[in-house]
Amino acid sequence: MTDTTAPLPIARNVEALRATVRDWRRQGFTVSFVPTMGALHEGHLTLVREAGQRADKVVASVFVNPTQFAAHEDLGTYPRREAEDAEMLAGAGCHLLFAPSVQAMYPDGFVTTVTVGGPSRGLETDFRPHFFGGVAVVVAKLLNQVQADVAMFGEKDYQQLRVVTRMARDLDIPTEIVGVATMRDGHGLALSSRNAYLSEAELDIARRLNGVLAEAAIKAAGRRPIAGVERDAYTDLLKAGFERVDYVAVRRADDLGAFPDGVVDAPARILAAAWLGKTRLIDNLPI
């Protein structure tokens, strides 16, 4: 079923989605795809606009994926605002919203899993061991459902970008995976739907995360020992007011492997995850 009364058409199931995409293909159009969990902000809209530059038609999905949330995480409170999201997507040039139900994505009897190694090891997995299994399943399904020429993923979730890129390559999924630079507010804070959880005082602290990482990236680029760079950045985040730091890590940019010699000698990324109250923030910068 496709709802055409909304600001843009909304496909509620795979059949309606594929019917629209097939019609576009018959007309000779290329297709791009932007997967989201909704609660859209300017970062998402940047992905949509970039998708519009790379193909004739843009599909965006809004699906809060339960398989990537642990029991203690914020699945129940994650912001949901489909009407506002649809209006924003239409304004950014999206042509179709795919908004399936949980039942449509995971029907009764669903048992298949997708396991990704390589770039999924460590970092987020050390603290959210369930996460990339859930991401891999839902992204594999979405890429297969839409069958777009190109799909856009934000670099803010850099480990996720590398995991999805590896998965698509390994499973011969023909959709090109494209990373898009992180959108930030005027203070350098990476835009995130979870920023809405932060109080004004917490926002002031959160905006220091990018600066700490930027300073650490300069040190790492100067071939300072990685262990010391990570340790200093960890301490600086706590001094800045973060209540807990899950990790600060310098890794190879392509596969997120560690540098065996303890110094940066190839393209690299510094990644961090830290807490303010009940909100967990992640960010990363190139080195």
Protein backbone atom coordinates (compact mmCIF):
# COMPACT_ATOMS: atom_id res chain seq x y z
CA MET A 1 0.00 0.00 0.00
CA THR A 2 1.22 3.50 -0.89
CA ASP A 3 -0.19 6.53 0.95
CA THR A 4 -0.36 9.46 -1.47
CA THR A 5 -2.12 11.91 0.88
CA ALA A 6 1.08 12.76 2.80
CA PRO A 7 3.55 15.49 1.74
CA LEU A 8 5.22 12.78 -0.36
CA PRO A 9 4.12 9.23 -1.20
CA ILE A 10 4.69 6.71 1.59
CA ALA A 11 5.18 3.00 0.88
CA ARG A 12 4.20 0.84 3.86
CA ASN A 13 5.39 -2.49 2.52
CA VAL A 14 7.99 -3.94 0.18
CA GLU A 15 5.48 -4.61 -2.60
CA ALA A 16 4.48 -0.94 -2.82
CA LEU A 17 8.11 0.17 -2.60
CA ARG A 18 9.25 -2.12 -5.40
CA ALA A 19 6.29 -1.24 -7.61
CA THR A 20 7.30 2.41 -7.50
CA VAL A 21 10.97 1.67 -8.08
CA ARG A 22 10.13 -0.66 -10.99
CA ASP A 23 8.08 2.11 -12.59
CA TRP A 24 11.00 4.50 -12.25
CA ARG A 25 13.34 1.96 -13.79
CA ARG A 26 11.01 1.49 -16.77
CA GLN A 27 11.22 5.25 -17.34
CA GLY A 28 15.01 5.07 -17.32
CA PHE A 29 15.54 6.77 -13.96
CA THR A 30 18.40 6.03 -11.59
CA VAL A 31 17.61 5.59 -7.88
CA SER A 32 19.38 6.61 -4.68
CA PHE A 33 18.54 5.64 -1.11
CA VAL A 34 18.89 7.23 2.33
CA PRO A 35 18.13 4.94 5.31
CA THR A 36 17.15 6.69 8.57
CA MET A 37 15.47 6.01 11.89
CA GLY A 38 13.51 9.25 11.64
CA ALA A 39 13.57 12.28 13.97
CA LEU A 40 15.26 14.00 11.07
CA HIS A 41 17.63 16.94 11.27
CA GLU A 42 19.80 18.87 8.84
CA GLY A 43 22.36 16.05 8.77
CA HIS A 44 19.78 13.67 7.31
CA LEU A 45 18.61 16.29 4.84
CA THR A 46 22.18 16.74 3.64
CA LEU A 47 22.21 13.03 2.80
CA VAL A 48 18.94 13.42 0.89
CA ARG A 49 20.25 16.37 -1.09
CA GLU A 50 23.47 14.51 -1.90
CA ALA A 51 21.38 11.52 -2.98
CA GLY A 52 19.48 13.82 -5.33
CA GLN A 53 22.75 14.89 -6.90
CA ARG A 54 23.70 11.27 -7.59
CA ALA A 55 20.45 9.87 -9.02
CA ASP A 56 17.16 10.91 -10.60
CA LYS A 57 14.90 9.60 -7.84
CA VAL A 58 15.44 9.47 -4.06
CA VAL A 59 13.96 6.96 -1.63
CA ALA A 60 14.33 7.55 2.12
CA SER A 61 13.33 5.06 4.78
CA VAL A 62 12.16 5.76 8.32
CA PHE A 63 12.33 2.68 10.50
CA VAL A 64 13.32 2.50 14.16
CA ASN A 65 15.02 -0.88 14.05
CA PRO A 66 14.40 -2.87 17.25
CA THR A 67 17.15 -5.42 16.60
CA GLN A 68 19.93 -2.86 17.17
CA PHE A 69 18.66 -1.79 20.59
CA ALA A 70 19.48 -3.70 23.78
CA ALA A 71 16.79 -4.14 26.42
CA HIS A 72 18.14 -1.25 28.53
CA GLU A 73 18.47 1.20 25.61
CA ASP A 74 16.08 3.88 24.34
CA LEU A 75 13.94 1.99 21.81
CA GLY A 76 10.72 2.98 23.58
CA THR A 77 11.62 6.65 23.92
CA TYR A 78 13.44 7.14 20.60
CA PRO A 79 11.69 10.13 18.97
CA ARG A 80 9.09 9.26 16.34
CA ARG A 81 7.49 11.99 14.23
CA GLU A 82 6.63 10.64 10.81
CA ALA A 83 4.48 13.55 9.62
CA GLU A 84 7.21 16.11 10.31
CA ASP A 85 9.86 13.82 8.81
CA ALA A 86 7.83 13.36 5.61
CA GLU A 87 7.45 17.11 5.22
CA MET A 88 11.17 17.67 5.71
CA LEU A 89 12.05 14.91 3.24
CA ALA A 90 9.74 16.35 0.60
CA GLY A 91 11.36 19.75 1.02
CA ALA A 92 14.82 18.24 0.57
CA GLY A 93 13.91 16.57 -2.71
CA CYS A 94 12.90 13.05 -1.64
CA HIS A 95 10.45 11.29 -3.96
CA LEU A 96 9.29 8.34 -1.83
CA LEU A 97 9.27 7.52 1.88
CA PHE A 98 9.49 3.86 2.85
CA ALA A 99 8.02 3.54 6.34
CA PRO A 100 7.39 -0.14 7.09
CA SER A 101 6.04 -1.56 10.32
CA VAL A 102 8.11 -3.85 12.53
CA GLN A 103 5.87 -6.71 11.40
CA ALA A 104 6.57 -5.93 7.75
CA MET A 105 10.33 -5.98 8.35
CA TYR A 106 10.41 -8.90 10.78
CA PRO A 107 7.37 -11.11 10.10
CA ASP A 108 6.49 -14.02 12.34
CA GLY A 109 9.08 -16.75 12.02
CA PHE A 110 11.94 -14.43 11.02
CA VAL A 111 15.17 -16.17 12.09
CA THR A 112 17.97 -14.98 9.79
CA THR A 113 21.02 -13.17 11.15
CA VAL A 114 23.96 -11.42 9.49
CA THR A 115 27.36 -11.50 11.18
CA VAL A 116 30.03 -9.01 10.17
CA GLY A 117 33.64 -9.23 11.34
CA GLY A 118 36.50 -6.95 10.35
CA PRO A 119 35.54 -3.31 11.01
CA SER A 120 32.77 -4.33 13.43
CA ARG A 121 35.30 -5.58 16.00
CA GLY A 122 35.96 -3.39 19.02
CA LEU A 123 34.86 0.21 19.63
CA GLU A 124 31.03 0.12 19.58
CA THR A 125 30.97 -3.66 19.80
CA ASP A 126 32.85 -3.60 23.10
CA PHE A 127 29.97 -1.66 24.66
CA ARG A 128 27.01 -2.61 22.45
CA PRO A 129 27.72 -6.21 21.39
CA HIS A 130 24.27 -6.60 19.88
CA PHE A 131 24.46 -3.47 17.73
CA PHE A 132 26.11 -4.40 14.45
CA GLY A 133 24.25 -7.67 14.18
CA GLY A 134 21.01 -5.67 14.20
CA VAL A 135 22.40 -3.04 11.83
CA ALA A 136 23.68 -5.64 9.36
CA VAL A 137 20.33 -7.42 9.16
CA VAL A 138 18.22 -4.32 8.66
CA VAL A 139 20.60 -2.63 6.21
CA ALA A 140 20.96 -5.81 4.15
CA LYS A 141 17.17 -6.04 4.01
CA LEU A 142 16.72 -2.37 3.11
CA LEU A 143 19.36 -2.45 0.38
CA ASN A 144 17.74 -5.56 -1.09
CA GLN A 145 14.25 -4.07 -0.80
CA VAL A 146 15.06 -0.76 -2.47
CA GLN A 147 17.70 -2.04 -4.92
CA ALA A 148 19.02 1.46 -5.45
CA ASP A 149 22.03 2.42 -7.53
CA VAL A 150 23.60 4.28 -4.60
CA ALA A 151 22.95 4.60 -0.85
CA MET A 152 24.10 7.42 1.41
CA PHE A 153 25.43 6.96 4.95
CA GLY A 154 26.71 9.70 7.26
CA GLU A 155 30.30 9.64 8.45
CA LYS A 156 29.19 10.51 11.99
CA ASP A 157 28.50 6.79 12.42
CA TYR A 158 31.88 5.99 10.94
CA GLN A 159 32.20 2.43 12.21
CA GLN A 160 28.72 1.69 10.89
CA LEU A 161 29.73 3.13 7.49
CA ARG A 162 32.75 0.84 7.33
CA VAL A 163 30.68 -2.19 8.44
CA VAL A 164 27.99 -1.54 5.83
CA THR A 165 30.57 -0.95 3.09
CA ARG A 166 32.31 -4.25 3.93
CA MET A 167 29.02 -6.15 4.13
CA ALA A 168 27.78 -4.85 0.77
CA ARG A 169 31.08 -5.79 -0.84
CA ASP A 170 31.21 -9.25 0.71
CA LEU A 171 27.59 -10.10 -0.13
CA ASP A 172 27.83 -8.72 -3.68
CA ILE A 173 25.08 -6.16 -3.05
CA PRO A 174 25.28 -3.98 -6.17
CA THR A 175 24.29 -0.71 -4.45
CA GLU A 176 27.24 1.70 -4.15
CA ILE A 177 27.75 2.80 -0.54
CA VAL A 178 28.73 6.47 -0.22
CA GLY A 179 29.86 8.20 2.97
CA VAL A 180 28.83 11.83 3.48
CA ALA A 181 30.71 14.22 5.76
CA THR A 182 29.28 14.89 9.23
CA MET A 183 27.03 17.92 9.61
CA ARG A 184 27.75 20.04 12.70
CA ASP A 185 26.17 22.94 14.51
CA GLY A 186 27.91 26.29 14.83
CA HIS A 187 29.87 25.00 17.83
CA GLY A 188 31.14 21.86 16.09
CA LEU A 189 28.73 19.39 17.69
CA ALA A 190 27.79 16.59 15.32
CA LEU A 191 24.07 16.71 14.55
CA SER A 192 22.20 13.75 16.04
CA SER A 193 18.60 12.91 16.84
CA ARG A 194 19.73 12.11 20.38
CA ASN A 195 20.94 15.70 20.91
CA ALA A 196 17.29 16.46 21.67
CA TYR A 197 17.73 14.60 24.96
CA LEU A 198 20.38 17.07 26.20
CA SER A 199 19.71 19.94 28.58
CA GLU A 200 21.25 23.35 27.89
CA ALA A 201 24.04 22.63 30.38
CA GLU A 202 24.71 19.25 28.79
CA LEU A 203 24.74 20.81 25.32
CA ASP A 204 27.48 23.18 26.44
CA ILE A 205 29.59 20.20 27.49
CA ALA A 206 28.71 18.15 24.40
CA ARG A 207 30.04 20.92 22.16
CA ARG A 208 33.51 20.37 23.62
CA LEU A 209 33.76 16.84 22.23
CA ASN A 210 34.77 17.94 18.75
CA GLY A 211 37.49 20.23 20.10
CA VAL A 212 39.07 17.50 22.20
CA LEU A 213 39.12 15.16 19.21
CA ALA A 214 40.51 17.85 16.92
CA GLU A 215 43.42 18.47 19.29
CA ALA A 216 44.07 14.74 19.60
CA ALA A 217 43.98 14.33 15.81
CA ILE A 218 46.70 16.97 15.41
CA LYS A 219 48.88 15.13 17.91
CA ALA A 220 48.33 11.78 16.21
CA ALA A 221 49.08 13.26 12.79
CA GLY A 222 52.39 14.43 14.20
CA ARG A 223 53.27 10.79 14.91
CA ARG A 224 52.89 11.11 18.64
CA PRO A 225 52.48 7.67 20.27
CA ILE A 226 48.85 6.65 19.83
CA ALA A 227 48.48 5.28 23.36
CA GLY A 228 49.39 8.66 24.82
CA VAL A 229 47.12 10.56 22.43
CA GLU A 230 44.18 8.33 23.37
CA ARG A 231 44.91 8.58 27.09
CA ASP A 232 45.18 12.37 27.02
CA ALA A 233 41.94 12.75 25.04
CA TYR A 234 40.14 10.41 27.42
CA THR A 235 41.26 12.54 30.37
CA ASP A 236 40.39 15.78 28.58
CA LEU A 237 36.83 14.58 27.94
CA LEU A 238 36.33 13.86 31.63
CA LYS A 239 37.78 17.27 32.50
CA ALA A 240 35.38 18.84 29.99
CA GLY A 241 32.45 17.48 31.97
CA PHE A 242 31.58 14.16 30.35
CA GLU A 243 30.44 11.75 33.02
CA ARG A 244 31.81 8.61 31.41
CA VAL A 245 33.93 7.84 28.36
CA ASP A 246 33.46 4.50 26.67
CA TYR A 247 36.42 4.86 24.33
CA VAL A 248 38.78 7.16 22.48
CA ALA A 249 40.60 5.28 19.74
CA VAL A 250 42.86 6.03 16.79
CA ARG A 251 42.35 3.47 14.03
CA ARG A 252 43.12 2.93 10.36
CA ALA A 253 40.54 4.73 8.27
CA ASP A 254 39.80 1.91 5.83
CA ASP A 255 39.18 -1.10 8.10
CA LEU A 256 39.41 0.38 11.63
CA GLY A 257 42.36 -1.86 12.44
CA ALA A 258 44.93 -0.77 15.00
CA PHE A 259 48.36 0.59 14.05
CA PRO A 260 50.82 -2.16 15.04
CA ASP A 261 53.75 0.24 15.47
CA GLY A 262 51.80 2.54 17.78
CA VAL A 263 52.00 5.60 15.52
CA VAL A 264 49.87 6.81 12.62
CA ASP A 265 51.54 5.88 9.33
CA ALA A 266 48.49 5.73 7.01
CA PRO A 267 45.10 7.46 6.69
CA ALA A 268 43.46 7.28 10.10
CA ARG A 269 40.41 8.20 12.13
CA ILE A 270 39.98 9.13 15.76
CA LEU A 271 36.69 7.93 17.25
CA ALA A 272 35.05 8.48 20.62
CA ALA A 273 31.92 7.68 22.60
CA ALA A 274 31.03 9.50 25.82
CA TRP A 275 28.06 9.98 28.12
CA LEU A 276 26.13 12.95 29.45
CA GLY A 277 23.37 11.79 31.78
CA LYS A 278 21.44 9.11 29.89
CA THR A 279 22.64 10.31 26.49
CA ARG A 280 25.51 8.64 24.69
CA LEU A 281 27.30 10.75 22.09
CA ILE A 282 29.64 9.50 19.38
CA ASP A 283 31.88 11.44 17.05
CA ASN A 284 34.98 11.01 14.91
CA LEU A 285 37.44 13.01 12.84
CA PRO A 286 39.89 12.15 10.06
CA ILE A 287 43.59 12.22 10.82
